[in-house]
Amino acid sequence: MTSSTPSRPSGRPPRRPSPRQAAMRRRRRSRIVAGGAVAAVVAIVVVLVAVKVLSGSGTPATADTFPTGPAPTQVVSAVTTMPVSQQAAAAKATKTVAPTPINGPPLTADGRPEVLYIGAEFCPFCAAERWALVSALSHFGTWSGLEITHSSSTDVYPNTPTLSFAHATFTSNYLTFRSVEETTNQKCQVGTAGCAGNGYGKLQDPTAAEQQLLDTYDQQGSIPFIDFGGRAVLIGSSYDPQTLAGQNPATVAERLGQPTTADAQQIGAAAATITATLCRLTGGQPASVCAAVR
């Protein structure tokens, strides 16, 4: 004998609900369905809010969230007009890595101390350091041809927003600046024409003399490498590139004008230590700048 659904007793027809009872049942079903729909909507909203809170208020920057090419005027203005007094204040409140003194042969060009930068566009540490270097050098001269870009999208600290020196020039009565951006931020097939050994497109090459400086003071081949007139070197970035995570050049520029932001504090403090190093090369000139970072 198999089990089955129990049947009603034979001979007794099923009871039919009255019209009033049927109407009440229909209303109850409508309320249940409506309540379920409202609960579902509420649940979706809660999930979306939770995701928003957990992921932060902004959308992380990716390689396609900002263009490359000539740096917008507002970006150049923000980084080149950051007051030295603001940078000096940041240096008192924030710890960054300062250039290391060396006692090498003087590095000069055109009768003036030379600042030599060797880096690459894929490098996130170079990306972070360029902001501070541009800002510090701006106290001594004028930039032109700066471009915006980002570090590699596949390296650590991916898509760190930055400026590029690839087509930039710096004019000053106190210093000369020489930059070498060795590779782009675009991956390529090693062994093919125009592809460097690290898998990024070739861009610029150091001279034999510049490579010798790199080999002498930076035997690990780390970048960025910055030689300040043969009197100090900086290897790596002055501050953590994570400071710039999820941003683009426009947001970095905006935050430089807000002294209490992490961007302004870190970049400002790094710029102040670089400025102090440059002042030792120029004999304390310009006086108004160098007095502020003593």
Protein backbone atom coordinates (compact mmCIF):
# COMPACT_ATOMS: atom_id res chain seq x y z
CA MET A 1 0.00 0.00 0.00
CA THR A 2 1.45 3.28 -1.10
CA SER A 3 1.00 6.56 0.64
CA SER A 4 -1.20 9.17 -0.98
CA THR A 5 -2.69 12.53 -0.24
CA PRO A 6 -5.59 12.03 2.20
CA SER A 7 -8.99 12.49 0.55
CA ARG A 8 -12.04 14.11 1.99
CA PRO A 9 -14.63 11.73 3.49
CA SER A 10 -16.88 10.29 0.79
CA GLY A 11 -20.31 11.63 0.36
CA ARG A 12 -19.47 15.15 1.72
CA PRO A 13 -18.97 17.90 -0.87
CA PRO A 14 -16.27 20.53 -0.12
CA ARG A 15 -17.45 23.73 1.57
CA ARG A 16 -17.42 26.78 -0.63
CA PRO A 17 -16.41 30.10 0.96
CA SER A 18 -19.00 32.80 1.10
CA PRO A 19 -18.53 35.83 -1.20
CA ARG A 20 -17.42 37.87 1.82
CA GLN A 21 -14.84 35.26 2.86
CA ALA A 22 -13.50 35.03 -0.70
CA ALA A 23 -13.06 38.79 -0.86
CA MET A 24 -11.23 38.84 2.47
CA ARG A 25 -8.90 36.07 1.29
CA ARG A 26 -8.12 38.00 -1.89
CA ARG A 27 -7.28 41.13 0.13
CA ARG A 28 -4.99 39.13 2.42
CA ARG A 29 -3.16 37.65 -0.56
CA SER A 30 -2.76 41.12 -2.09
CA ARG A 31 -1.30 42.46 1.15
CA ILE A 32 1.15 39.53 1.36
CA VAL A 33 2.32 39.98 -2.23
CA ALA A 34 2.69 43.76 -1.81
CA GLY A 35 4.54 43.32 1.46
CA GLY A 36 6.91 40.85 -0.16
CA ALA A 37 7.63 43.26 -3.00
CA VAL A 38 8.37 46.11 -0.58
CA ALA A 39 10.69 43.86 1.45
CA ALA A 40 12.55 42.87 -1.70
CA VAL A 41 13.04 46.51 -2.70
CA VAL A 42 14.25 47.41 0.79
CA ALA A 43 16.71 44.50 0.72
CA ILE A 44 18.12 45.63 -2.62
CA VAL A 45 18.54 49.20 -1.36
CA VAL A 46 20.31 47.95 1.78
CA VAL A 47 22.71 45.89 -0.31
CA LEU A 48 23.48 48.81 -2.62
CA VAL A 49 24.12 51.14 0.32
CA ALA A 50 26.39 48.57 1.94
CA VAL A 51 28.38 48.17 -1.26
CA LYS A 52 28.66 51.95 -1.57
CA VAL A 53 29.91 52.29 2.00
CA LEU A 54 32.40 49.47 1.68
CA SER A 55 33.77 50.61 -1.64
CA GLY A 56 34.14 54.27 -0.74
CA SER A 57 32.50 57.39 -2.11
CA GLY A 58 34.39 57.51 -5.41
CA THR A 59 35.09 55.20 -8.30
CA PRO A 60 38.70 53.93 -8.33
CA ALA A 61 40.76 55.45 -11.11
CA THR A 62 41.63 53.13 -13.96
CA ALA A 63 43.72 53.61 -17.06
CA ASP A 64 40.73 55.00 -18.95
CA THR A 65 39.31 57.35 -16.29
CA PHE A 66 41.63 60.18 -17.29
CA PRO A 67 43.29 61.05 -20.58
CA THR A 68 47.00 61.24 -21.33
CA GLY A 69 48.73 64.04 -23.19
CA PRO A 70 49.49 67.70 -22.38
CA ALA A 71 48.81 68.48 -18.74
CA PRO A 72 45.72 70.69 -18.24
CA THR A 73 46.44 74.24 -17.13
CA GLN A 74 44.77 73.74 -13.75
CA VAL A 75 46.96 70.72 -13.00
CA VAL A 76 50.18 72.52 -13.93
CA SER A 77 49.12 75.59 -11.98
CA ALA A 78 48.31 73.60 -8.84
CA VAL A 79 51.60 71.76 -8.70
CA THR A 80 53.84 74.67 -9.74
CA THR A 81 52.32 77.32 -7.47
CA MET A 82 52.16 75.35 -4.23
CA PRO A 83 53.57 77.87 -1.71
CA VAL A 84 56.94 77.03 -0.21
CA SER A 85 55.53 78.08 3.17
CA GLN A 86 52.84 75.38 2.85
CA GLN A 87 55.48 72.83 1.93
CA ALA A 88 57.68 73.80 4.86
CA ALA A 89 54.73 73.45 7.24
CA ALA A 90 53.95 70.01 5.78
CA ALA A 91 57.57 68.93 6.30
CA LYS A 92 57.28 69.75 10.00
CA ALA A 93 54.16 67.62 10.34
CA THR A 94 54.92 64.75 7.95
CA LYS A 95 57.87 62.41 7.65
CA THR A 96 59.24 61.74 4.15
CA VAL A 97 62.50 60.34 2.78
CA ALA A 98 65.13 63.01 2.10
CA PRO A 99 67.94 62.78 -0.47
CA THR A 100 71.13 61.12 0.82
CA PRO A 101 74.29 63.28 0.77
CA ILE A 102 77.17 62.04 -1.42
CA ASN A 103 80.61 63.40 -2.20
CA GLY A 104 80.87 62.75 -5.92
CA PRO A 105 82.26 64.90 -8.69
CA PRO A 106 80.08 67.98 -9.27
CA LEU A 107 77.33 67.34 -11.79
CA THR A 108 76.86 70.46 -13.89
CA ALA A 109 75.52 71.61 -17.26
CA ASP A 110 75.75 75.04 -18.89
CA GLY A 111 77.76 76.27 -15.92
CA ARG A 112 74.99 75.47 -13.42
CA PRO A 113 74.34 72.55 -11.05
CA GLU A 114 72.39 69.79 -12.77
CA VAL A 115 69.53 67.71 -11.41
CA LEU A 116 69.46 64.34 -13.18
CA TYR A 117 66.29 62.27 -13.05
CA ILE A 118 66.14 58.70 -14.39
CA GLY A 119 62.79 56.95 -14.24
CA ALA A 120 60.06 55.37 -16.36
CA GLU A 121 56.38 55.95 -17.01
CA PHE A 122 55.33 52.48 -15.83
CA CYS A 123 56.93 53.01 -12.40
CA PRO A 124 54.51 53.96 -9.56
CA PHE A 125 57.34 55.25 -7.37
CA CYS A 126 58.44 57.54 -10.19
CA ALA A 127 54.81 58.59 -10.57
CA ALA A 128 54.61 59.67 -6.94
CA GLU A 129 57.99 61.43 -6.92
CA ARG A 130 57.38 63.54 -10.02
CA TRP A 131 54.71 65.59 -8.23
CA ALA A 132 57.17 66.61 -5.52
CA LEU A 133 60.08 67.15 -7.90
CA VAL A 134 58.04 69.35 -10.25
CA SER A 135 56.75 71.39 -7.34
CA ALA A 136 60.18 71.87 -5.76
CA LEU A 137 61.91 72.83 -9.02
CA SER A 138 59.13 75.33 -9.73
CA HIS A 139 60.61 77.56 -7.02
CA PHE A 140 63.75 77.86 -9.14
CA GLY A 141 62.44 78.10 -12.70
CA THR A 142 59.68 77.46 -15.21
CA TRP A 143 58.22 74.27 -16.69
CA SER A 144 56.82 73.69 -20.15
CA GLY A 145 55.65 70.58 -21.98
CA LEU A 146 54.55 68.63 -18.91
CA GLU A 147 52.14 65.79 -19.70
CA ILE A 148 49.73 63.73 -17.61
CA THR A 149 49.82 59.97 -17.51
CA HIS A 150 49.67 57.09 -15.02
CA SER A 151 51.84 54.21 -13.92
CA SER A 152 51.34 50.69 -15.23
CA SER A 153 47.91 49.15 -14.72
CA THR A 154 49.53 45.78 -13.91
CA ASP A 155 52.32 46.81 -11.51
CA VAL A 156 52.02 47.53 -7.80
CA TYR A 157 50.01 50.68 -7.03
CA PRO A 158 48.35 50.40 -10.47
CA ASN A 159 47.40 53.53 -12.41
CA THR A 160 49.08 55.96 -10.03
CA PRO A 161 48.30 59.39 -11.53
CA THR A 162 51.31 61.47 -12.45
CA LEU A 163 53.09 63.88 -14.76
CA SER A 164 55.61 62.81 -17.39
CA PHE A 165 58.95 64.40 -18.20
CA ALA A 166 59.19 62.73 -21.63
CA HIS A 167 58.59 65.97 -23.52
CA ALA A 168 59.05 68.52 -20.74
CA THR A 169 61.64 71.25 -20.44
CA PHE A 170 62.74 73.26 -17.42
CA THR A 171 64.23 76.76 -17.67
CA SER A 172 66.11 78.31 -14.75
CA ASN A 173 68.83 80.82 -13.93
CA TYR A 174 69.94 78.65 -11.00
CA LEU A 175 69.81 75.01 -12.13
CA THR A 176 69.59 72.71 -15.11
CA PHE A 177 67.31 69.69 -15.22
CA ARG A 178 67.85 66.56 -17.27
CA SER A 179 65.27 63.78 -17.37
CA VAL A 180 65.34 60.28 -18.81
CA GLU A 181 62.03 58.39 -19.01
CA GLU A 182 63.40 55.00 -20.02
CA THR A 183 60.13 53.23 -20.92
CA THR A 184 56.44 53.86 -21.40
CA ASN A 185 53.61 52.43 -19.28
CA GLN A 186 52.46 50.11 -22.09
CA LYS A 187 53.29 46.40 -22.08
CA CYS A 188 54.94 44.80 -25.10
CA GLN A 189 56.42 41.51 -26.21
CA VAL A 190 60.01 41.21 -25.04
CA GLY A 191 62.30 40.61 -27.99
CA THR A 192 60.26 42.63 -30.45
CA ALA A 193 61.44 45.94 -31.87
CA GLY A 194 60.98 48.84 -29.47
CA CYS A 195 60.35 46.63 -26.43
CA ALA A 196 62.64 46.92 -23.42
CA GLY A 197 63.80 43.96 -21.37
CA ASN A 198 61.26 44.71 -18.65
CA GLY A 199 58.36 44.28 -21.07
CA TYR A 200 57.50 47.94 -21.58
CA GLY A 201 57.98 50.08 -24.67
CA LYS A 202 61.32 51.85 -25.00
CA LEU A 203 61.23 55.62 -24.69
CA GLN A 204 64.53 57.31 -23.80
CA ASP A 205 68.08 56.14 -23.02
CA PRO A 206 70.57 57.57 -20.53
CA THR A 207 73.98 58.57 -21.84
CA ALA A 208 76.99 56.46 -20.95
CA ALA A 209 77.96 58.99 -18.28
CA GLU A 210 74.45 58.96 -16.80
CA GLN A 211 74.39 55.17 -16.79
CA GLN A 212 77.72 55.25 -14.96
CA LEU A 213 76.20 57.43 -12.23
CA LEU A 214 73.29 55.03 -11.95
CA ASP A 215 75.63 52.06 -11.69
CA THR A 216 77.79 53.81 -9.09
CA TYR A 217 75.12 55.02 -6.67
CA ASP A 218 72.22 52.72 -7.46
CA GLN A 219 73.66 49.26 -7.89
CA GLN A 220 70.22 47.65 -7.62
CA GLY A 221 69.03 49.66 -10.61
CA SER A 222 66.03 51.04 -8.71
CA ILE A 223 64.03 53.98 -10.02
CA PRO A 224 63.46 56.80 -9.72
CA PHE A 225 67.09 57.78 -9.42
CA ILE A 226 67.74 61.48 -8.87
CA ASP A 227 71.24 62.97 -8.64
CA PHE A 228 71.31 66.48 -7.21
CA GLY A 229 74.45 68.03 -8.67
CA GLY A 230 76.69 65.24 -7.43
CA ARG A 231 75.96 66.30 -3.85
CA ALA A 232 72.97 64.08 -2.98
CA VAL A 233 70.94 61.25 -4.47
CA LEU A 234 67.39 60.04 -3.99
CA ILE A 235 66.57 56.46 -4.93
CA GLY A 236 62.91 55.52 -4.87
CA SER A 237 60.03 57.75 -3.86
CA SER A 238 60.01 60.13 -0.91
CA TYR A 239 56.55 58.95 0.17
CA ASP A 240 54.14 56.06 -0.33
CA PRO A 241 52.46 55.98 -3.79
CA GLN A 242 49.38 54.55 -2.04
CA THR A 243 48.64 58.16 -1.05
CA LEU A 244 47.50 58.76 -4.64
CA ALA A 245 45.48 55.54 -5.03
CA GLY A 246 42.18 55.81 -6.86
CA GLN A 247 42.80 59.34 -8.08
CA ASN A 248 43.50 61.12 -11.35
CA PRO A 249 45.67 64.19 -12.04
CA ALA A 250 42.73 66.56 -11.61
CA THR A 251 41.85 65.29 -8.14
CA VAL A 252 45.50 65.39 -7.05
CA ALA A 253 45.73 68.98 -8.28
CA GLU A 254 42.57 69.90 -6.36
CA ARG A 255 43.87 68.37 -3.13
CA LEU A 256 47.20 70.18 -3.39
CA GLY A 257 45.22 73.33 -2.70
CA GLN A 258 43.83 71.79 0.50
CA PRO A 259 46.79 71.76 2.93
CA THR A 260 45.30 69.21 5.34
CA THR A 261 44.77 66.45 2.76
CA ALA A 262 47.19 63.52 2.67
CA ASP A 263 48.18 64.46 -0.87
CA ALA A 264 49.15 68.00 0.06
CA GLN A 265 50.92 66.84 3.21
CA GLN A 266 52.99 64.10 1.57
CA ILE A 267 53.79 65.89 -1.68
CA GLY A 268 54.41 69.17 0.15
CA ALA A 269 56.76 67.60 2.69
CA ALA A 270 58.69 65.78 -0.05
CA ALA A 271 58.93 68.98 -2.08
CA ALA A 272 60.27 70.86 0.94
CA THR A 273 63.12 68.36 1.47
CA ILE A 274 64.00 68.52 -2.22
CA THR A 275 63.89 72.32 -2.14
CA ALA A 276 66.28 72.37 0.81
CA THR A 277 68.66 70.12 -1.16
CA LEU A 278 68.44 72.38 -4.20
CA CYS A 279 69.17 75.43 -2.06
CA ARG A 280 72.47 73.86 -1.05
CA LEU A 281 73.35 73.61 -4.75
CA THR A 282 72.41 77.22 -5.51
CA GLY A 283 74.11 78.80 -2.52
CA GLY A 284 70.79 79.72 -0.92
CA GLN A 285 69.22 81.35 -3.96
CA PRO A 286 66.55 82.50 -4.45
CA ALA A 287 66.81 83.80 -0.90
CA SER A 288 63.07 84.04 -0.24
CA VAL A 289 62.59 80.37 -1.12
CA CYS A 290 65.60 79.02 0.69
CA ALA A 291 64.88 80.97 3.87
CA ALA A 292 61.54 79.18 4.16
CA VAL A 293 63.03 75.66 4.20
CA ARG A 294 66.00 76.18 6.51
